[in-house]
Amino acid sequence: YHVVWNVTPALHTPLMSVTNAISGIVIVGAILQVGDHNADLVTFSNILGAIAIFFASINIFGGFFVTHRMLEMFKRKKSKRDETHE
């Protein structure tokens, strides 16, 4: 909580990229765990891996959505003068 709020606004986008990368690593590890076909039984670690895949994917897609919205704020809006010259 305190780490995110104390970061300068210019660094929020890179911070979101790093958290997306960490969530991607979690997904890769969880897929490797769930995809282990040596065990015929459903184990607790397989269930935990499936839950990790679900929540990490929500985190990644939400992070990309928020990052996209943040980057849209920096785009210059077209004025009426620009639209008439096109």
PDB file of N, CA and C in Angstrom:
ATOM      1  N   TYR A   1       0.828  -1.193   0.000  1.00  0.00           N
ATOM      2  CA  TYR A   1       0.000   0.000   0.000  1.00  0.00           C
ATOM      3  C   TYR A   1       0.872   1.256   0.000  1.00  0.00           C
ATOM      4  N   HIS A   2       1.783   1.354   0.961  1.00  0.00           N
ATOM      5  CA  HIS A   2       2.632   2.542   1.071  1.00  0.00           C
ATOM      6  C   HIS A   2       3.621   2.643  -0.085  1.00  0.00           C
ATOM      7  N   VAL A   3       4.042   1.511  -0.619  1.00  0.00           N
ATOM      8  CA  VAL A   3       4.999   1.540  -1.726  1.00  0.00           C
ATOM      9  C   VAL A   3       4.368   2.178  -2.956  1.00  0.00           C
ATOM     10  N   VAL A   4       3.144   1.796  -3.265  1.00  0.00           N
ATOM     11  CA  VAL A   4       2.488   2.312  -4.471  1.00  0.00           C
ATOM     12  C   VAL A   4       2.136   3.785  -4.312  1.00  0.00           C
ATOM     13  N   TRP A   5       1.657   4.176  -3.156  1.00  0.00           N
ATOM     14  CA  TRP A   5       1.238   5.565  -2.973  1.00  0.00           C
ATOM     15  C   TRP A   5       2.412   6.531  -2.899  1.00  0.00           C
ATOM     16  N   ASN A   6       3.591   6.062  -2.522  1.00  0.00           N
ATOM     17  CA  ASN A   6       4.752   6.940  -2.420  1.00  0.00           C
ATOM     18  C   ASN A   6       5.566   7.014  -3.710  1.00  0.00           C
ATOM     19  N   VAL A   7       5.169   6.298  -4.733  1.00  0.00           N
ATOM     20  CA  VAL A   7       5.863   6.345  -6.024  1.00  0.00           C
ATOM     21  C   VAL A   7       5.416   7.601  -6.770  1.00  0.00           C
ATOM     22  N   THR A   8       6.370   8.259  -7.423  1.00  0.00           N
ATOM     23  CA  THR A   8       6.008   9.447  -8.203  1.00  0.00           C
ATOM     24  C   THR A   8       5.120   9.036  -9.381  1.00  0.00           C
ATOM     25  N   PRO A   9       4.218   9.907  -9.814  1.00  0.00           N
ATOM     26  CA  PRO A   9       3.298   9.541 -10.904  1.00  0.00           C
ATOM     27  C   PRO A   9       3.992   9.116 -12.192  1.00  0.00           C
ATOM     28  N   ALA A  10       5.181   9.625 -12.447  1.00  0.00           N
ATOM     29  CA  ALA A  10       5.884   9.251 -13.678  1.00  0.00           C
ATOM     30  C   ALA A  10       6.318   7.793 -13.677  1.00  0.00           C
ATOM     31  N   LEU A  11       6.391   7.184 -12.505  1.00  0.00           N
ATOM     32  CA  LEU A  11       6.853   5.796 -12.418  1.00  0.00           C
ATOM     33  C   LEU A  11       5.719   4.786 -12.264  1.00  0.00           C
ATOM     34  N   HIS A  12       4.471   5.230 -12.295  1.00  0.00           N
ATOM     35  CA  HIS A  12       3.364   4.286 -12.124  1.00  0.00           C
ATOM     36  C   HIS A  12       3.268   3.292 -13.276  1.00  0.00           C
ATOM     37  N   THR A  13       3.485   3.736 -14.509  1.00  0.00           N
ATOM     38  CA  THR A  13       3.397   2.828 -15.650  1.00  0.00           C
ATOM     39  C   THR A  13       4.477   1.755 -15.607  1.00  0.00           C
ATOM     40  N   PRO A  14       5.747   2.090 -15.333  1.00  0.00           N
ATOM     41  CA  PRO A  14       6.743   1.012 -15.197  1.00  0.00           C
ATOM     42  C   PRO A  14       6.450   0.077 -14.025  1.00  0.00           C
ATOM     43  N   LEU A  15       5.887   0.625 -12.948  1.00  0.00           N
ATOM     44  CA  LEU A  15       5.531  -0.221 -11.808  1.00  0.00           C
ATOM     45  C   LEU A  15       4.453  -1.223 -12.200  1.00  0.00           C
ATOM     46  N   MET A  16       3.484  -0.782 -13.004  1.00  0.00           N
ATOM     47  CA  MET A  16       2.440  -1.689 -13.477  1.00  0.00           C
ATOM     48  C   MET A  16       3.040  -2.758 -14.384  1.00  0.00           C
ATOM     49  N   SER A  17       4.014  -2.391 -15.197  1.00  0.00           N
ATOM     50  CA  SER A  17       4.657  -3.364 -16.082  1.00  0.00           C
ATOM     51  C   SER A  17       5.397  -4.426 -15.286  1.00  0.00           C
ATOM     52  N   VAL A  18       6.052  -4.019 -14.215  1.00  0.00           N
ATOM     53  CA  VAL A  18       6.782  -4.980 -13.383  1.00  0.00           C
ATOM     54  C   VAL A  18       5.816  -5.930 -12.690  1.00  0.00           C
ATOM     55  N   THR A  19       4.705  -5.418 -12.176  1.00  0.00           N
ATOM     56  CA  THR A  19       3.747  -6.307 -11.520  1.00  0.00           C
ATOM     57  C   THR A  19       3.103  -7.254 -12.525  1.00  0.00           C
ATOM     58  N   ASN A  20       2.897  -6.801 -13.764  1.00  0.00           N
ATOM     59  CA  ASN A  20       2.391  -7.705 -14.800  1.00  0.00           C
ATOM     60  C   ASN A  20       3.401  -8.802 -15.098  1.00  0.00           C
ATOM     61  N   ALA A  21       4.680  -8.459 -15.112  1.00  0.00           N
ATOM     62  CA  ALA A  21       5.720  -9.461 -15.364  1.00  0.00           C
ATOM     63  C   ALA A  21       5.783 -10.481 -14.232  1.00  0.00           C
ATOM     64  N   ILE A  22       5.654 -10.023 -13.004  1.00  0.00           N
ATOM     65  CA  ILE A  22       5.659 -10.950 -11.861  1.00  0.00           C
ATOM     66  C   ILE A  22       4.453 -11.877 -11.934  1.00  0.00           C
ATOM     67  N   SER A  23       3.297 -11.344 -12.287  1.00  0.00           N
ATOM     68  CA  SER A  23       2.111 -12.191 -12.429  1.00  0.00           C
ATOM     69  C   SER A  23       2.281 -13.185 -13.568  1.00  0.00           C
ATOM     70  N   GLY A  24       2.974 -12.791 -14.617  1.00  0.00           N
ATOM     71  CA  GLY A  24       3.259 -13.724 -15.713  1.00  0.00           C
ATOM     72  C   GLY A  24       4.127 -14.876 -15.255  1.00  0.00           C
ATOM     73  N   ILE A  25       5.102 -14.598 -14.397  1.00  0.00           N
ATOM     74  CA  ILE A  25       5.947 -15.663 -13.849  1.00  0.00           C
ATOM     75  C   ILE A  25       5.123 -16.595 -12.976  1.00  0.00           C
ATOM     76  N   VAL A  26       4.194 -16.035 -12.201  1.00  0.00           N
ATOM     77  CA  VAL A  26       3.306 -16.861 -11.372  1.00  0.00           C
ATOM     78  C   VAL A  26       2.467 -17.775 -12.253  1.00  0.00           C
ATOM     79  N   ILE A  27       1.965 -17.247 -13.365  1.00  0.00           N
ATOM     80  CA  ILE A  27       1.143 -18.067 -14.263  1.00  0.00           C
ATOM     81  C   ILE A  27       1.963 -19.199 -14.872  1.00  0.00           C
ATOM     82  N   VAL A  28       3.187 -18.914 -15.290  1.00  0.00           N
ATOM     83  CA  VAL A  28       4.030 -19.969 -15.876  1.00  0.00           C
ATOM     84  C   VAL A  28       4.285 -21.071 -14.853  1.00  0.00           C
ATOM     85  N   GLY A  29       4.610 -20.695 -13.625  1.00  0.00           N
ATOM     86  CA  GLY A  29       4.833 -21.694 -12.579  1.00  0.00           C
ATOM     87  C   GLY A  29       3.584 -22.493 -12.260  1.00  0.00           C
ATOM     88  N   ALA A  30       2.441 -21.822 -12.227  1.00  0.00           N
ATOM     89  CA  ALA A  30       1.190 -22.516 -11.933  1.00  0.00           C
ATOM     90  C   ALA A  30       0.798 -23.457 -13.065  1.00  0.00           C
ATOM     91  N   ILE A  31       1.030 -23.055 -14.301  1.00  0.00           N
ATOM     92  CA  ILE A  31       0.727 -23.936 -15.436  1.00  0.00           C
ATOM     93  C   ILE A  31       1.619 -25.172 -15.399  1.00  0.00           C
ATOM     94  N   LEU A  32       2.891 -24.979 -15.051  1.00  0.00           N
ATOM     95  CA  LEU A  32       3.787 -26.131 -14.934  1.00  0.00           C
ATOM     96  C   LEU A  32       3.326 -27.077 -13.834  1.00  0.00           C
ATOM     97  N   GLN A  33       2.803 -26.528 -12.747  1.00  0.00           N
ATOM     98  CA  GLN A  33       2.335 -27.361 -11.647  1.00  0.00           C
ATOM     99  C   GLN A  33       1.046 -28.089 -12.019  1.00  0.00           C
ATOM    100  N   VAL A  34       0.112 -27.383 -12.608  1.00  0.00           N
ATOM    101  CA  VAL A  34      -1.172 -27.990 -12.963  1.00  0.00           C
ATOM    102  C   VAL A  34      -0.997 -28.969 -14.113  1.00  0.00           C
ATOM    103  N   GLY A  35      -0.082 -28.687 -15.018  1.00  0.00           N
ATOM    104  CA  GLY A  35       0.111 -29.534 -16.184  1.00  0.00           C
ATOM    105  C   GLY A  35       0.930 -30.778 -15.931  1.00  0.00           C
ATOM    106  N   ASP A  36       1.274 -31.065 -14.683  1.00  0.00           N
ATOM    107  CA  ASP A  36       2.040 -32.265 -14.350  1.00  0.00           C
ATOM    108  C   ASP A  36       1.124 -33.479 -14.485  1.00  0.00           C
ATOM    109  N   HIS A  37       1.354 -34.293 -15.514  1.00  0.00           N
ATOM    110  CA  HIS A  37       0.469 -35.431 -15.785  1.00  0.00           C
ATOM    111  C   HIS A  37       0.935 -36.718 -15.121  1.00  0.00           C
ATOM    112  N   ASN A  38       1.955 -36.654 -14.307  1.00  0.00           N
ATOM    113  CA  ASN A  38       2.421 -37.862 -13.628  1.00  0.00           C
ATOM    114  C   ASN A  38       1.449 -38.318 -12.557  1.00  0.00           C
ATOM    115  N   ALA A  39       0.711 -37.390 -12.005  1.00  0.00           N
ATOM    116  CA  ALA A  39      -0.236 -37.742 -10.948  1.00  0.00           C
ATOM    117  C   ALA A  39      -1.635 -37.855 -11.546  1.00  0.00           C
ATOM    118  N   ASP A  40      -2.273 -38.994 -11.309  1.00  0.00           N
ATOM    119  CA  ASP A  40      -3.633 -39.184 -11.808  1.00  0.00           C
ATOM    120  C   ASP A  40      -4.663 -38.552 -10.880  1.00  0.00           C
ATOM    121  N   LEU A  41      -4.280 -38.315  -9.645  1.00  0.00           N
ATOM    122  CA  LEU A  41      -5.206 -37.749  -8.675  1.00  0.00           C
ATOM    123  C   LEU A  41      -5.150 -36.226  -8.701  1.00  0.00           C
ATOM    124  N   VAL A  42      -6.266 -35.636  -8.337  1.00  0.00           N
ATOM    125  CA  VAL A  42      -6.292 -34.182  -8.187  1.00  0.00           C
ATOM    126  C   VAL A  42      -5.734 -33.876  -6.806  1.00  0.00           C
ATOM    127  N   THR A  43      -4.624 -33.176  -6.789  1.00  0.00           N
ATOM    128  CA  THR A  43      -3.979 -32.885  -5.515  1.00  0.00           C
ATOM    129  C   THR A  43      -4.262 -31.446  -5.100  1.00  0.00           C
ATOM    130  N   PHE A  44      -3.936 -31.183  -3.851  1.00  0.00           N
ATOM    131  CA  PHE A  44      -4.128 -29.837  -3.323  1.00  0.00           C
ATOM    132  C   PHE A  44      -3.282 -28.822  -4.091  1.00  0.00           C
ATOM    133  N   SER A  45      -2.077 -29.218  -4.473  1.00  0.00           N
ATOM    134  CA  SER A  45      -1.208 -28.291  -5.205  1.00  0.00           C
ATOM    135  C   SER A  45      -1.746 -28.009  -6.611  1.00  0.00           C
ATOM    136  N   ASN A  46      -2.413 -28.977  -7.232  1.00  0.00           N
ATOM    137  CA  ASN A  46      -3.036 -28.729  -8.539  1.00  0.00           C
ATOM    138  C   ASN A  46      -4.190 -27.736  -8.419  1.00  0.00           C
ATOM    139  N   ILE A  47      -4.982 -27.889  -7.377  1.00  0.00           N
ATOM    140  CA  ILE A  47      -6.094 -26.960  -7.147  1.00  0.00           C
ATOM    141  C   ILE A  47      -5.551 -25.563  -6.862  1.00  0.00           C
ATOM    142  N   LEU A  48      -4.510 -25.502  -6.031  1.00  0.00           N
ATOM    143  CA  LEU A  48      -3.900 -24.213  -5.712  1.00  0.00           C
ATOM    144  C   LEU A  48      -3.291 -23.570  -6.956  1.00  0.00           C
ATOM    145  N   GLY A  49      -2.702 -24.377  -7.832  1.00  0.00           N
ATOM    146  CA  GLY A  49      -2.147 -23.862  -9.082  1.00  0.00           C
ATOM    147  C   GLY A  49      -3.222 -23.303  -9.995  1.00  0.00           C
ATOM    148  N   ALA A  50      -4.370 -23.984 -10.068  1.00  0.00           N
ATOM    149  CA  ALA A  50      -5.476 -23.493 -10.897  1.00  0.00           C
ATOM    150  C   ALA A  50      -6.015 -22.171 -10.357  1.00  0.00           C
ATOM    151  N   ILE A  51      -6.100 -22.061  -9.042  1.00  0.00           N
ATOM    152  CA  ILE A  51      -6.544 -20.802  -8.434  1.00  0.00           C
ATOM    153  C   ILE A  51      -5.531 -19.693  -8.712  1.00  0.00           C
ATOM    154  N   ALA A  52      -4.237 -20.030  -8.655  1.00  0.00           N
ATOM    155  CA  ALA A  52      -3.189 -19.039  -8.941  1.00  0.00           C
ATOM    156  C   ALA A  52      -3.269 -18.562 -10.382  1.00  0.00           C
ATOM    157  N   ILE A  53      -3.542 -19.478 -11.306  1.00  0.00           N
ATOM    158  CA  ILE A  53      -3.694 -19.088 -12.715  1.00  0.00           C
ATOM    159  C   ILE A  53      -4.855 -18.113 -12.868  1.00  0.00           C
ATOM    160  N   PHE A  54      -5.958 -18.405 -12.222  1.00  0.00           N
ATOM    161  CA  PHE A  54      -7.148 -17.562 -12.319  1.00  0.00           C
ATOM    162  C   PHE A  54      -6.877 -16.151 -11.800  1.00  0.00           C
ATOM    163  N   PHE A  55      -6.360 -16.051 -10.578  1.00  0.00           N
ATOM    164  CA  PHE A  55      -6.153 -14.730  -9.987  1.00  0.00           C
ATOM    165  C   PHE A  55      -5.013 -13.957 -10.651  1.00  0.00           C
ATOM    166  N   ALA A  56      -3.963 -14.628 -11.065  1.00  0.00           N
ATOM    167  CA  ALA A  56      -2.869 -13.931 -11.743  1.00  0.00           C
ATOM    168  C   ALA A  56      -3.315 -13.419 -13.108  1.00  0.00           C
ATOM    169  N   SER A  57      -4.179 -14.169 -13.796  1.00  0.00           N
ATOM    170  CA  SER A  57      -4.663 -13.692 -15.095  1.00  0.00           C
ATOM    171  C   SER A  57      -5.573 -12.477 -14.923  1.00  0.00           C
ATOM    172  N   ILE A  58      -6.387 -12.461 -13.871  1.00  0.00           N
ATOM    173  CA  ILE A  58      -7.198 -11.270 -13.586  1.00  0.00           C
ATOM    174  C   ILE A  58      -6.287 -10.078 -13.321  1.00  0.00           C
ATOM    175  N   ASN A  59      -5.217 -10.310 -12.561  1.00  0.00           N
ATOM    176  CA  ASN A  59      -4.273  -9.235 -12.249  1.00  0.00           C
ATOM    177  C   ASN A  59      -3.588  -8.708 -13.509  1.00  0.00           C
ATOM    178  N   ILE A  60      -3.202  -9.595 -14.403  1.00  0.00           N
ATOM    179  CA  ILE A  60      -2.526  -9.169 -15.637  1.00  0.00           C
ATOM    180  C   ILE A  60      -3.468  -8.371 -16.534  1.00  0.00           C
ATOM    181  N   PHE A  61      -4.665  -8.891 -16.780  1.00  0.00           N
ATOM    182  CA  PHE A  61      -5.596  -8.181 -17.660  1.00  0.00           C
ATOM    183  C   PHE A  61      -6.025  -6.852 -17.049  1.00  0.00           C
ATOM    184  N   GLY A  62      -6.235  -6.821 -15.738  1.00  0.00           N
ATOM    185  CA  GLY A  62      -6.555  -5.557 -15.074  1.00  0.00           C
ATOM    186  C   GLY A  62      -5.408  -4.572 -15.159  1.00  0.00           C
ATOM    187  N   GLY A  63      -4.181  -5.071 -15.030  1.00  0.00           N
ATOM    188  CA  GLY A  63      -3.009  -4.206 -15.137  1.00  0.00           C
ATOM    189  C   GLY A  63      -2.859  -3.612 -16.522  1.00  0.00           C
ATOM    190  N   PHE A  64      -3.088  -4.421 -17.546  1.00  0.00           N
ATOM    191  CA  PHE A  64      -3.021  -3.894 -18.912  1.00  0.00           C
ATOM    192  C   PHE A  64      -4.120  -2.864 -19.156  1.00  0.00           C
ATOM    193  N   PHE A  65      -5.297  -3.094 -18.601  1.00  0.00           N
ATOM    194  CA  PHE A  65      -6.403  -2.152 -18.764  1.00  0.00           C
ATOM    195  C   PHE A  65      -6.078  -0.813 -18.102  1.00  0.00           C
ATOM    196  N   VAL A  66      -5.576  -0.864 -16.877  1.00  0.00           N
ATOM    197  CA  VAL A  66      -5.234   0.366 -16.162  1.00  0.00           C
ATOM    198  C   VAL A  66      -4.083   1.088 -16.854  1.00  0.00           C
ATOM    199  N   THR A  67      -3.077   0.346 -17.309  1.00  0.00           N
ATOM    200  CA  THR A  67      -1.951   0.958 -18.011  1.00  0.00           C
ATOM    201  C   THR A  67      -2.420   1.632 -19.297  1.00  0.00           C
ATOM    202  N   HIS A  68      -3.321   0.984 -20.021  1.00  0.00           N
ATOM    203  CA  HIS A  68      -3.862   1.578 -21.250  1.00  0.00           C
ATOM    204  C   HIS A  68      -4.589   2.885 -20.938  1.00  0.00           C
ATOM    205  N   ARG A  69      -5.387   2.892 -19.882  1.00  0.00           N
ATOM    206  CA  ARG A  69      -6.106   4.114 -19.509  1.00  0.00           C
ATOM    207  C   ARG A  69      -5.147   5.223 -19.101  1.00  0.00           C
ATOM    208  N   MET A  70      -4.069   4.850 -18.391  1.00  0.00           N
ATOM    209  CA  MET A  70      -3.089   5.857 -17.985  1.00  0.00           C
ATOM    210  C   MET A  70      -2.388   6.453 -19.202  1.00  0.00           C
ATOM    211  N   LEU A  71      -2.039   5.620 -20.166  1.00  0.00           N
ATOM    212  CA  LEU A  71      -1.360   6.121 -21.360  1.00  0.00           C
ATOM    213  C   LEU A  71      -2.287   6.952 -22.239  1.00  0.00           C
ATOM    214  N   GLU A  72      -3.581   6.660 -22.226  1.00  0.00           N
ATOM    215  CA  GLU A  72      -4.545   7.453 -22.992  1.00  0.00           C
ATOM    216  C   GLU A  72      -4.634   8.875 -22.454  1.00  0.00           C
ATOM    217  N   MET A  73      -4.375   9.067 -21.162  1.00  0.00           N
ATOM    218  CA  MET A  73      -4.441  10.406 -20.585  1.00  0.00           C
ATOM    219  C   MET A  73      -3.345  11.308 -21.143  1.00  0.00           C
ATOM    220  N   PHE A  74      -2.246  10.727 -21.624  1.00  0.00           N
ATOM    221  CA  PHE A  74      -1.139  11.522 -22.132  1.00  0.00           C
ATOM    222  C   PHE A  74      -1.260  11.840 -23.618  1.00  0.00           C
ATOM    223  N   LYS A  75      -2.225  11.257 -24.299  1.00  0.00           N
ATOM    224  CA  LYS A  75      -2.407  11.551 -25.721  1.00  0.00           C
ATOM    225  C   LYS A  75      -3.083  12.904 -25.881  1.00  0.00           C
ATOM    226  N   ARG A  76      -2.651  13.617 -26.901  1.00  0.00           N
ATOM    227  CA  ARG A  76      -3.239  14.922 -27.163  1.00  0.00           C
ATOM    228  C   ARG A  76      -4.577  14.718 -27.860  1.00  0.00           C
ATOM    229  N   LYS A  77      -5.582  15.413 -27.367  1.00  0.00           N
ATOM    230  CA  LYS A  77      -6.906  15.316 -27.977  1.00  0.00           C
ATOM    231  C   LYS A  77      -6.944  16.178 -29.226  1.00  0.00           C
ATOM    232  N   LYS A  78      -7.690  15.719 -30.223  1.00  0.00           N
ATOM    233  CA  LYS A  78      -7.820  16.481 -31.465  1.00  0.00           C
ATOM    234  C   LYS A  78      -8.739  17.674 -31.229  1.00  0.00           C
ATOM    235  N   SER A  79      -8.314  18.809 -31.703  1.00  0.00           N
ATOM    236  CA  SER A  79      -9.160  19.992 -31.602  1.00  0.00           C
ATOM    237  C   SER A  79     -10.045  20.072 -32.847  1.00  0.00           C
ATOM    238  N   LYS A  80     -11.014  20.948 -32.799  1.00  0.00           N
ATOM    239  CA  LYS A  80     -11.900  21.113 -33.954  1.00  0.00           C
ATOM    240  C   LYS A  80     -11.125  21.622 -35.163  1.00  0.00           C
ATOM    241  N   ARG A  81     -10.104  22.416 -34.919  1.00  0.00           N
ATOM    242  CA  ARG A  81      -9.279  22.939 -36.012  1.00  0.00           C
ATOM    243  C   ARG A  81      -8.528  21.817 -36.719  1.00  0.00           C
ATOM    244  N   ASP A  82      -8.026  20.839 -35.955  1.00  0.00           N
ATOM    245  CA  ASP A  82      -7.322  19.707 -36.553  1.00  0.00           C
ATOM    246  C   ASP A  82      -8.262  18.841 -37.379  1.00  0.00           C
ATOM    247  N   GLU A  83      -9.506  18.709 -36.944  1.00  0.00           N
ATOM    248  CA  GLU A  83     -10.462  17.864 -37.661  1.00  0.00           C
ATOM    249  C   GLU A  83     -10.875  18.486 -38.991  1.00  0.00           C
ATOM    250  N   THR A  84     -10.922  19.829 -39.078  1.00  0.00           N
ATOM    251  CA  THR A  84     -11.348  20.472 -40.323  1.00  0.00           C
ATOM    252  C   THR A  84     -10.263  20.434 -41.387  1.00  0.00           C
ATOM    253  N   HIS A  85      -8.999  20.313 -40.982  1.00  0.00           N
ATOM    254  CA  HIS A  85      -7.897  20.277 -41.941  1.00  0.00           C
ATOM    255  C   HIS A  85      -7.642  18.892 -42.506  1.00  0.00           C
ATOM    256  N   GLU A  86      -8.318  17.898 -42.032  1.00  0.00           N
ATOM    257  CA  GLU A  86      -8.087  16.528 -42.529  1.00  0.00           C
ATOM    258  C   GLU A  86      -8.900  16.220 -43.738  1.00  0.00           C
TER     259      GLU A  86
END
